[in-house]
Amino acid sequence: MSKTTTARARMEPELKEEAERILRDCGLTASQAIGLFYRQVVLGRGMPFPIRSFNEETRRVLRQSEEGIDVQQFESAEALFEDLGI
């Protein structure tokens, strides 16, 4: 058996609980998931997913959307496309 070491991280309890619930559904422990993440970092020589930074306008629009400000809803994709003129 290979030697192991410990990695520690601090996070919000709710985030940890929700993530571990999802991982259990996938048949993984938190340690296994962290090991997979680390392997992907090593294999890809960086983060295994894109990291994006939003500008102020994008952050404003996202906040408004979450608050339901200036949000339009459509009955179907076709109605949306018609409204967009495509």
PDB file of N, CA and C in Angstrom:
ATOM      1  N   MET A   1       0.836  -1.179   0.000  1.00  0.00           N
ATOM      2  CA  MET A   1       0.000   0.000   0.000  1.00  0.00           C
ATOM      3  C   MET A   1       0.881   1.242   0.000  1.00  0.00           C
ATOM      4  N   SER A   2       0.467   2.264  -0.754  1.00  0.00           N
ATOM      5  CA  SER A   2       1.264   3.478  -0.829  1.00  0.00           C
ATOM      6  C   SER A   2       1.043   4.352   0.397  1.00  0.00           C
ATOM      7  N   LYS A   3       2.004   5.203   0.651  1.00  0.00           N
ATOM      8  CA  LYS A   3       1.880   6.143   1.758  1.00  0.00           C
ATOM      9  C   LYS A   3       0.868   7.213   1.378  1.00  0.00           C
ATOM     10  N   THR A   4       0.241   7.803   2.376  1.00  0.00           N
ATOM     11  CA  THR A   4      -0.720   8.883   2.140  1.00  0.00           C
ATOM     12  C   THR A   4      -0.349  10.084   2.989  1.00  0.00           C
ATOM     13  N   THR A   5      -0.921  11.208   2.652  1.00  0.00           N
ATOM     14  CA  THR A   5      -0.757  12.423   3.431  1.00  0.00           C
ATOM     15  C   THR A   5      -2.123  13.072   3.578  1.00  0.00           C
ATOM     16  N   THR A   6      -2.196  14.103   4.365  1.00  0.00           N
ATOM     17  CA  THR A   6      -3.462  14.768   4.637  1.00  0.00           C
ATOM     18  C   THR A   6      -3.492  16.132   3.973  1.00  0.00           C
ATOM     19  N   ALA A   7      -4.625  16.460   3.377  1.00  0.00           N
ATOM     20  CA  ALA A   7      -4.879  17.804   2.853  1.00  0.00           C
ATOM     21  C   ALA A   7      -6.062  18.357   3.640  1.00  0.00           C
ATOM     22  N   ARG A   8      -5.935  19.578   4.131  1.00  0.00           N
ATOM     23  CA  ARG A   8      -7.012  20.178   4.923  1.00  0.00           C
ATOM     24  C   ARG A   8      -7.529  21.425   4.227  1.00  0.00           C
ATOM     25  N   ALA A   9      -8.817  21.647   4.344  1.00  0.00           N
ATOM     26  CA  ALA A   9      -9.432  22.840   3.753  1.00  0.00           C
ATOM     27  C   ALA A   9     -10.560  23.318   4.650  1.00  0.00           C
ATOM     28  N   ARG A  10     -10.749  24.626   4.703  1.00  0.00           N
ATOM     29  CA  ARG A  10     -11.843  25.203   5.466  1.00  0.00           C
ATOM     30  C   ARG A  10     -12.904  25.671   4.473  1.00  0.00           C
ATOM     31  N   MET A  11     -14.169  25.399   4.792  1.00  0.00           N
ATOM     32  CA  MET A  11     -15.281  25.812   3.930  1.00  0.00           C
ATOM     33  C   MET A  11     -16.546  25.902   4.748  1.00  0.00           C
ATOM     34  N   GLU A  12     -17.566  26.467   4.138  1.00  0.00           N
ATOM     35  CA  GLU A  12     -18.851  26.586   4.809  1.00  0.00           C
ATOM     36  C   GLU A  12     -19.434  25.193   5.030  1.00  0.00           C
ATOM     37  N   PRO A  13     -20.007  24.932   6.198  1.00  0.00           N
ATOM     38  CA  PRO A  13     -20.568  23.609   6.482  1.00  0.00           C
ATOM     39  C   PRO A  13     -21.648  23.185   5.485  1.00  0.00           C
ATOM     40  N   GLU A  14     -22.474  24.144   5.044  1.00  0.00           N
ATOM     41  CA  GLU A  14     -23.542  23.794   4.099  1.00  0.00           C
ATOM     42  C   GLU A  14     -22.969  23.313   2.768  1.00  0.00           C
ATOM     43  N   LEU A  15     -21.909  23.965   2.300  1.00  0.00           N
ATOM     44  CA  LEU A  15     -21.257  23.566   1.049  1.00  0.00           C
ATOM     45  C   LEU A  15     -20.701  22.158   1.178  1.00  0.00           C
ATOM     46  N   LYS A  16     -20.025  21.893   2.288  1.00  0.00           N
ATOM     47  CA  LYS A  16     -19.438  20.573   2.523  1.00  0.00           C
ATOM     48  C   LYS A  16     -20.513  19.498   2.548  1.00  0.00           C
ATOM     49  N   GLU A  17     -21.601  19.753   3.278  1.00  0.00           N
ATOM     50  CA  GLU A  17     -22.677  18.755   3.388  1.00  0.00           C
ATOM     51  C   GLU A  17     -23.325  18.464   2.034  1.00  0.00           C
ATOM     52  N   GLU A  18     -23.616  19.522   1.276  1.00  0.00           N
ATOM     53  CA  GLU A  18     -24.260  19.318  -0.031  1.00  0.00           C
ATOM     54  C   GLU A  18     -23.338  18.587  -0.994  1.00  0.00           C
ATOM     55  N   ALA A  19     -22.075  18.995  -1.027  1.00  0.00           N
ATOM     56  CA  ALA A  19     -21.116  18.338  -1.922  1.00  0.00           C
ATOM     57  C   ALA A  19     -20.938  16.872  -1.543  1.00  0.00           C
ATOM     58  N   GLU A  20     -20.818  16.580  -0.251  1.00  0.00           N
ATOM     59  CA  GLU A  20     -20.625  15.192   0.172  1.00  0.00           C
ATOM     60  C   GLU A  20     -21.858  14.335  -0.106  1.00  0.00           C
ATOM     61  N   ARG A  21     -23.045  14.932  -0.038  1.00  0.00           N
ATOM     62  CA  ARG A  21     -24.268  14.206  -0.389  1.00  0.00           C
ATOM     63  C   ARG A  21     -24.246  13.821  -1.872  1.00  0.00           C
ATOM     64  N   ILE A  22     -23.847  14.750  -2.720  1.00  0.00           N
ATOM     65  CA  ILE A  22     -23.764  14.490  -4.159  1.00  0.00           C
ATOM     66  C   ILE A  22     -22.677  13.452  -4.440  1.00  0.00           C
ATOM     67  N   LEU A  23     -21.543  13.575  -3.778  1.00  0.00           N
ATOM     68  CA  LEU A  23     -20.451  12.615  -3.971  1.00  0.00           C
ATOM     69  C   LEU A  23     -20.874  11.211  -3.559  1.00  0.00           C
ATOM     70  N   ARG A  24     -21.611  11.098  -2.442  1.00  0.00           N
ATOM     71  CA  ARG A  24     -22.108   9.778  -2.019  1.00  0.00           C
ATOM     72  C   ARG A  24     -22.986   9.166  -3.101  1.00  0.00           C
ATOM     73  N   ASP A  25     -23.845  10.011  -3.709  1.00  0.00           N
ATOM     74  CA  ASP A  25     -24.700   9.524  -4.791  1.00  0.00           C
ATOM     75  C   ASP A  25     -23.877   9.009  -5.970  1.00  0.00           C
ATOM     76  N   CYS A  26     -22.683   9.560  -6.131  1.00  0.00           N
ATOM     77  CA  CYS A  26     -21.774   9.127  -7.199  1.00  0.00           C
ATOM     78  C   CYS A  26     -20.900   7.952  -6.761  1.00  0.00           C
ATOM     79  N   GLY A  27     -21.041   7.538  -5.510  1.00  0.00           N
ATOM     80  CA  GLY A  27     -20.243   6.434  -5.001  1.00  0.00           C
ATOM     81  C   GLY A  27     -18.832   6.827  -4.591  1.00  0.00           C
ATOM     82  N   LEU A  28     -18.633   8.107  -4.278  1.00  0.00           N
ATOM     83  CA  LEU A  28     -17.305   8.595  -3.912  1.00  0.00           C
ATOM     84  C   LEU A  28     -17.296   9.158  -2.497  1.00  0.00           C
ATOM     85  N   THR A  29     -16.165   9.012  -1.833  1.00  0.00           N
ATOM     86  CA  THR A  29     -15.938   9.697  -0.567  1.00  0.00           C
ATOM     87  C   THR A  29     -15.324  11.056  -0.887  1.00  0.00           C
ATOM     88  N   ALA A  30     -15.316  11.942   0.095  1.00  0.00           N
ATOM     89  CA  ALA A  30     -14.677  13.245  -0.096  1.00  0.00           C
ATOM     90  C   ALA A  30     -13.196  13.057  -0.418  1.00  0.00           C
ATOM     91  N   SER A  31     -12.535  12.127   0.247  1.00  0.00           N
ATOM     92  CA  SER A  31     -11.114  11.882  -0.008  1.00  0.00           C
ATOM     93  C   SER A  31     -10.876  11.407  -1.436  1.00  0.00           C
ATOM     94  N   GLN A  32     -11.736  10.524  -1.929  1.00  0.00           N
ATOM     95  CA  GLN A  32     -11.599  10.056  -3.306  1.00  0.00           C
ATOM     96  C   GLN A  32     -11.812  11.195  -4.303  1.00  0.00           C
ATOM     97  N   ALA A  33     -12.809  12.033  -4.048  1.00  0.00           N
ATOM     98  CA  ALA A  33     -13.093  13.149  -4.945  1.00  0.00           C
ATOM     99  C   ALA A  33     -11.940  14.151  -4.959  1.00  0.00           C
ATOM    100  N   ILE A  34     -11.387  14.440  -3.794  1.00  0.00           N
ATOM    101  CA  ILE A  34     -10.250  15.357  -3.729  1.00  0.00           C
ATOM    102  C   ILE A  34      -9.055  14.757  -4.458  1.00  0.00           C
ATOM    103  N   GLY A  35      -8.835  13.452  -4.286  1.00  0.00           N
ATOM    104  CA  GLY A  35      -7.747  12.781  -5.011  1.00  0.00           C
ATOM    105  C   GLY A  35      -7.942  12.874  -6.523  1.00  0.00           C
ATOM    106  N   LEU A  36      -9.187  12.691  -6.989  1.00  0.00           N
ATOM    107  CA  LEU A  36      -9.477  12.820  -8.428  1.00  0.00           C
ATOM    108  C   LEU A  36      -9.196  14.239  -8.906  1.00  0.00           C
ATOM    109  N   PHE A  37      -9.613  15.213  -8.120  1.00  0.00           N
ATOM    110  CA  PHE A  37      -9.369  16.607  -8.473  1.00  0.00           C
ATOM    111  C   PHE A  37      -7.864  16.861  -8.589  1.00  0.00           C
ATOM    112  N   TYR A  38      -7.095  16.444  -7.604  1.00  0.00           N
ATOM    113  CA  TYR A  38      -5.648  16.641  -7.641  1.00  0.00           C
ATOM    114  C   TYR A  38      -5.017  15.951  -8.856  1.00  0.00           C
ATOM    115  N   ARG A  39      -5.484  14.730  -9.167  1.00  0.00           N
ATOM    116  CA  ARG A  39      -4.942  14.028 -10.346  1.00  0.00           C
ATOM    117  C   ARG A  39      -5.214  14.808 -11.622  1.00  0.00           C
ATOM    118  N   GLN A  40      -6.412  15.386 -11.749  1.00  0.00           N
ATOM    119  CA  GLN A  40      -6.738  16.167 -12.939  1.00  0.00           C
ATOM    120  C   GLN A  40      -5.900  17.439 -13.018  1.00  0.00           C
ATOM    121  N   VAL A  41      -5.624  18.056 -11.874  1.00  0.00           N
ATOM    122  CA  VAL A  41      -4.752  19.232 -11.848  1.00  0.00           C
ATOM    123  C   VAL A  41      -3.372  18.847 -12.377  1.00  0.00           C
ATOM    124  N   VAL A  42      -2.847  17.720 -11.903  1.00  0.00           N
ATOM    125  CA  VAL A  42      -1.518  17.274 -12.329  1.00  0.00           C
ATOM    126  C   VAL A  42      -1.521  16.903 -13.811  1.00  0.00           C
ATOM    127  N   LEU A  43      -2.507  16.109 -14.241  1.00  0.00           N
ATOM    128  CA  LEU A  43      -2.562  15.674 -15.643  1.00  0.00           C
ATOM    129  C   LEU A  43      -2.719  16.849 -16.605  1.00  0.00           C
ATOM    130  N   GLY A  44      -3.538  17.826 -16.228  1.00  0.00           N
ATOM    131  CA  GLY A  44      -3.787  18.962 -17.104  1.00  0.00           C
ATOM    132  C   GLY A  44      -2.867  20.138 -16.861  1.00  0.00           C
ATOM    133  N   ARG A  45      -2.000  20.011 -15.876  1.00  0.00           N
ATOM    134  CA  ARG A  45      -1.056  21.072 -15.519  1.00  0.00           C
ATOM    135  C   ARG A  45      -1.769  22.387 -15.207  1.00  0.00           C
ATOM    136  N   GLY A  46      -2.940  22.293 -14.558  1.00  0.00           N
ATOM    137  CA  GLY A  46      -3.712  23.475 -14.184  1.00  0.00           C
ATOM    138  C   GLY A  46      -5.082  23.066 -13.690  1.00  0.00           C
ATOM    139  N   MET A  47      -5.948  24.037 -13.558  1.00  0.00           N
ATOM    140  CA  MET A  47      -7.304  23.755 -13.098  1.00  0.00           C
ATOM    141  C   MET A  47      -8.036  22.904 -14.130  1.00  0.00           C
ATOM    142  N   PRO A  48      -8.823  21.920 -13.684  1.00  0.00           N
ATOM    143  CA  PRO A  48      -9.521  21.040 -14.628  1.00  0.00           C
ATOM    144  C   PRO A  48     -10.834  21.629 -15.149  1.00  0.00           C
ATOM    145  N   PHE A  49     -11.036  22.922 -14.941  1.00  0.00           N
ATOM    146  CA  PHE A  49     -12.221  23.614 -15.446  1.00  0.00           C
ATOM    147  C   PHE A  49     -11.850  25.076 -15.620  1.00  0.00           C
ATOM    148  N   PRO A  50     -12.582  25.785 -16.489  1.00  0.00           N
ATOM    149  CA  PRO A  50     -12.237  27.193 -16.716  1.00  0.00           C
ATOM    150  C   PRO A  50     -12.553  28.055 -15.500  1.00  0.00           C
ATOM    151  N   ILE A  51     -11.697  29.008 -15.232  1.00  0.00           N
ATOM    152  CA  ILE A  51     -11.908  29.986 -14.174  1.00  0.00           C
ATOM    153  C   ILE A  51     -12.200  31.310 -14.867  1.00  0.00           C
ATOM    154  N   ARG A  52     -13.329  31.910 -14.536  1.00  0.00           N
ATOM    155  CA  ARG A  52     -13.715  33.150 -15.193  1.00  0.00           C
ATOM    156  C   ARG A  52     -13.914  34.248 -14.155  1.00  0.00           C
ATOM    157  N   SER A  53     -13.632  35.443 -14.574  1.00  0.00           N
ATOM    158  CA  SER A  53     -13.873  36.606 -13.736  1.00  0.00           C
ATOM    159  C   SER A  53     -14.884  37.489 -14.465  1.00  0.00           C
ATOM    160  N   PHE A  54     -15.960  37.857 -13.775  1.00  0.00           N
ATOM    161  CA  PHE A  54     -16.995  38.666 -14.387  1.00  0.00           C
ATOM    162  C   PHE A  54     -16.696  40.144 -14.189  1.00  0.00           C
ATOM    163  N   ASN A  55     -16.990  40.944 -15.218  1.00  0.00           N
ATOM    164  CA  ASN A  55     -16.837  42.388 -15.065  1.00  0.00           C
ATOM    165  C   ASN A  55     -18.038  42.929 -14.288  1.00  0.00           C
ATOM    166  N   GLU A  56     -17.995  44.215 -13.943  1.00  0.00           N
ATOM    167  CA  GLU A  56     -19.032  44.800 -13.097  1.00  0.00           C
ATOM    168  C   GLU A  56     -20.413  44.722 -13.741  1.00  0.00           C
ATOM    169  N   GLU A  57     -20.501  44.944 -15.056  1.00  0.00           N
ATOM    170  CA  GLU A  57     -21.805  44.887 -15.716  1.00  0.00           C
ATOM    171  C   GLU A  57     -22.401  43.480 -15.641  1.00  0.00           C
ATOM    172  N   THR A  58     -21.569  42.462 -15.851  1.00  0.00           N
ATOM    173  CA  THR A  58     -22.047  41.079 -15.769  1.00  0.00           C
ATOM    174  C   THR A  58     -22.501  40.756 -14.354  1.00  0.00           C
ATOM    175  N   ARG A  59     -21.729  41.183 -13.345  1.00  0.00           N
ATOM    176  CA  ARG A  59     -22.127  40.955 -11.948  1.00  0.00           C
ATOM    177  C   ARG A  59     -23.459  41.632 -11.647  1.00  0.00           C
ATOM    178  N   ARG A  60     -23.663  42.863 -12.167  1.00  0.00           N
ATOM    179  CA  ARG A  60     -24.911  43.592 -11.953  1.00  0.00           C
ATOM    180  C   ARG A  60     -26.085  42.842 -12.570  1.00  0.00           C
ATOM    181  N   VAL A  61     -25.913  42.384 -13.806  1.00  0.00           N
ATOM    182  CA  VAL A  61     -26.989  41.669 -14.491  1.00  0.00           C
ATOM    183  C   VAL A  61     -27.302  40.351 -13.776  1.00  0.00           C
ATOM    184  N   LEU A  62     -26.279  39.641 -13.317  1.00  0.00           N
ATOM    185  CA  LEU A  62     -26.504  38.395 -12.584  1.00  0.00           C
ATOM    186  C   LEU A  62     -27.272  38.661 -11.288  1.00  0.00           C
ATOM    187  N   ARG A  63     -26.892  39.730 -10.567  1.00  0.00           N
ATOM    188  CA  ARG A  63     -27.611  40.084  -9.337  1.00  0.00           C
ATOM    189  C   ARG A  63     -29.068  40.396  -9.638  1.00  0.00           C
ATOM    190  N   GLN A  64     -29.305  41.188 -10.684  1.00  0.00           N
ATOM    191  CA  GLN A  64     -30.683  41.536 -11.055  1.00  0.00           C
ATOM    192  C   GLN A  64     -31.477  40.285 -11.424  1.00  0.00           C
ATOM    193  N   SER A  65     -30.842  39.395 -12.145  1.00  0.00           N
ATOM    194  CA  SER A  65     -31.513  38.159 -12.547  1.00  0.00           C
ATOM    195  C   SER A  65     -31.902  37.329 -11.328  1.00  0.00           C
ATOM    196  N   GLU A  66     -30.985  37.206 -10.373  1.00  0.00           N
ATOM    197  CA  GLU A  66     -31.274  36.449  -9.157  1.00  0.00           C
ATOM    198  C   GLU A  66     -32.420  37.076  -8.371  1.00  0.00           C
ATOM    199  N   GLU A  67     -32.537  38.412  -8.456  1.00  0.00           N
ATOM    200  CA  GLU A  67     -33.591  39.127  -7.729  1.00  0.00           C
ATOM    201  C   GLU A  67     -34.876  39.247  -8.543  1.00  0.00           C
ATOM    202  N   GLY A  68     -34.854  38.749  -9.785  1.00  0.00           N
ATOM    203  CA  GLY A  68     -36.040  38.790 -10.633  1.00  0.00           C
ATOM    204  C   GLY A  68     -36.310  40.144 -11.248  1.00  0.00           C
ATOM    205  N   ILE A  69     -35.301  41.008 -11.310  1.00  0.00           N
ATOM    206  CA  ILE A  69     -35.453  42.347 -11.880  1.00  0.00           C
ATOM    207  C   ILE A  69     -35.215  42.286 -13.386  1.00  0.00           C
ATOM    208  N   ASP A  70     -36.162  42.828 -14.169  1.00  0.00           N
ATOM    209  CA  ASP A  70     -36.062  42.863 -15.638  1.00  0.00           C
ATOM    210  C   ASP A  70     -35.866  41.478 -16.245  1.00  0.00           C
ATOM    211  N   VAL A  71     -36.548  40.490 -15.696  1.00  0.00           N
ATOM    212  CA  VAL A  71     -36.450  39.121 -16.204  1.00  0.00           C
ATOM    213  C   VAL A  71     -37.658  38.847 -17.089  1.00  0.00           C
ATOM    214  N   GLN A  72     -37.411  38.342 -18.291  1.00  0.00           N
ATOM    215  CA  GLN A  72     -38.498  37.964 -19.178  1.00  0.00           C
ATOM    216  C   GLN A  72     -38.594  36.450 -19.221  1.00  0.00           C
ATOM    217  N   GLN A  73     -39.814  35.947 -19.241  1.00  0.00           N
ATOM    218  CA  GLN A  73     -40.027  34.511 -19.344  1.00  0.00           C
ATOM    219  C   GLN A  73     -40.849  34.233 -20.588  1.00  0.00           C
ATOM    220  N   PHE A  74     -40.600  33.098 -21.206  1.00  0.00           N
ATOM    221  CA  PHE A  74     -41.278  32.713 -22.425  1.00  0.00           C
ATOM    222  C   PHE A  74     -41.893  31.332 -22.256  1.00  0.00           C
ATOM    223  N   GLU A  75     -42.997  31.118 -22.939  1.00  0.00           N
ATOM    224  CA  GLU A  75     -43.702  29.842 -22.867  1.00  0.00           C
ATOM    225  C   GLU A  75     -42.943  28.722 -23.548  1.00  0.00           C
ATOM    226  N   SER A  76     -42.098  29.091 -24.530  1.00  0.00           N
ATOM    227  CA  SER A  76     -41.366  28.063 -25.275  1.00  0.00           C
ATOM    228  C   SER A  76     -40.124  28.681 -25.889  1.00  0.00           C
ATOM    229  N   ALA A  77     -39.240  27.817 -26.361  1.00  0.00           N
ATOM    230  CA  ALA A  77     -38.040  28.287 -27.057  1.00  0.00           C
ATOM    231  C   ALA A  77     -38.430  29.046 -28.319  1.00  0.00           C
ATOM    232  N   GLU A  78     -39.475  28.564 -28.979  1.00  0.00           N
ATOM    233  CA  GLU A  78     -39.924  29.244 -30.200  1.00  0.00           C
ATOM    234  C   GLU A  78     -40.354  30.672 -29.911  1.00  0.00           C
ATOM    235  N   ALA A  79     -41.067  30.888 -28.802  1.00  0.00           N
ATOM    236  CA  ALA A  79     -41.495  32.233 -28.433  1.00  0.00           C
ATOM    237  C   ALA A  79     -40.289  33.123 -28.145  1.00  0.00           C
ATOM    238  N   LEU A  80     -39.288  32.569 -27.493  1.00  0.00           N
ATOM    239  CA  LEU A  80     -38.053  33.319 -27.233  1.00  0.00           C
ATOM    240  C   LEU A  80     -37.381  33.719 -28.537  1.00  0.00           C
ATOM    241  N   PHE A  81     -37.234  32.734 -29.443  1.00  0.00           N
ATOM    242  CA  PHE A  81     -36.587  33.011 -30.726  1.00  0.00           C
ATOM    243  C   PHE A  81     -37.360  34.054 -31.516  1.00  0.00           C
ATOM    244  N   GLU A  82     -38.685  33.985 -31.463  1.00  0.00           N
ATOM    245  CA  GLU A  82     -39.507  34.966 -32.174  1.00  0.00           C
ATOM    246  C   GLU A  82     -39.274  36.362 -31.603  1.00  0.00           C
ATOM    247  N   ASP A  83     -39.211  36.458 -30.268  1.00  0.00           N
ATOM    248  CA  ASP A  83     -38.962  37.746 -29.624  1.00  0.00           C
ATOM    249  C   ASP A  83     -37.588  38.289 -30.006  1.00  0.00           C
ATOM    250  N   LEU A  84     -36.614  37.403 -30.168  1.00  0.00           N
ATOM    251  CA  LEU A  84     -35.265  37.814 -30.546  1.00  0.00           C
ATOM    252  C   LEU A  84     -35.141  38.091 -32.036  1.00  0.00           C
ATOM    253  N   GLY A  85     -36.153  37.677 -32.789  1.00  0.00           N
ATOM    254  CA  GLY A  85     -36.118  37.891 -34.238  1.00  0.00           C
ATOM    255  C   GLY A  85     -35.230  36.899 -34.965  1.00  0.00           C
ATOM    256  N   ILE A  86     -35.104  35.709 -34.387  1.00  0.00           N
ATOM    257  CA  ILE A  86     -34.278  34.678 -35.064  1.00  0.00           C
ATOM    258  C   ILE A  86     -35.079  33.414 -35.293  1.00  0.00           C
TER     259      ILE A  86
END
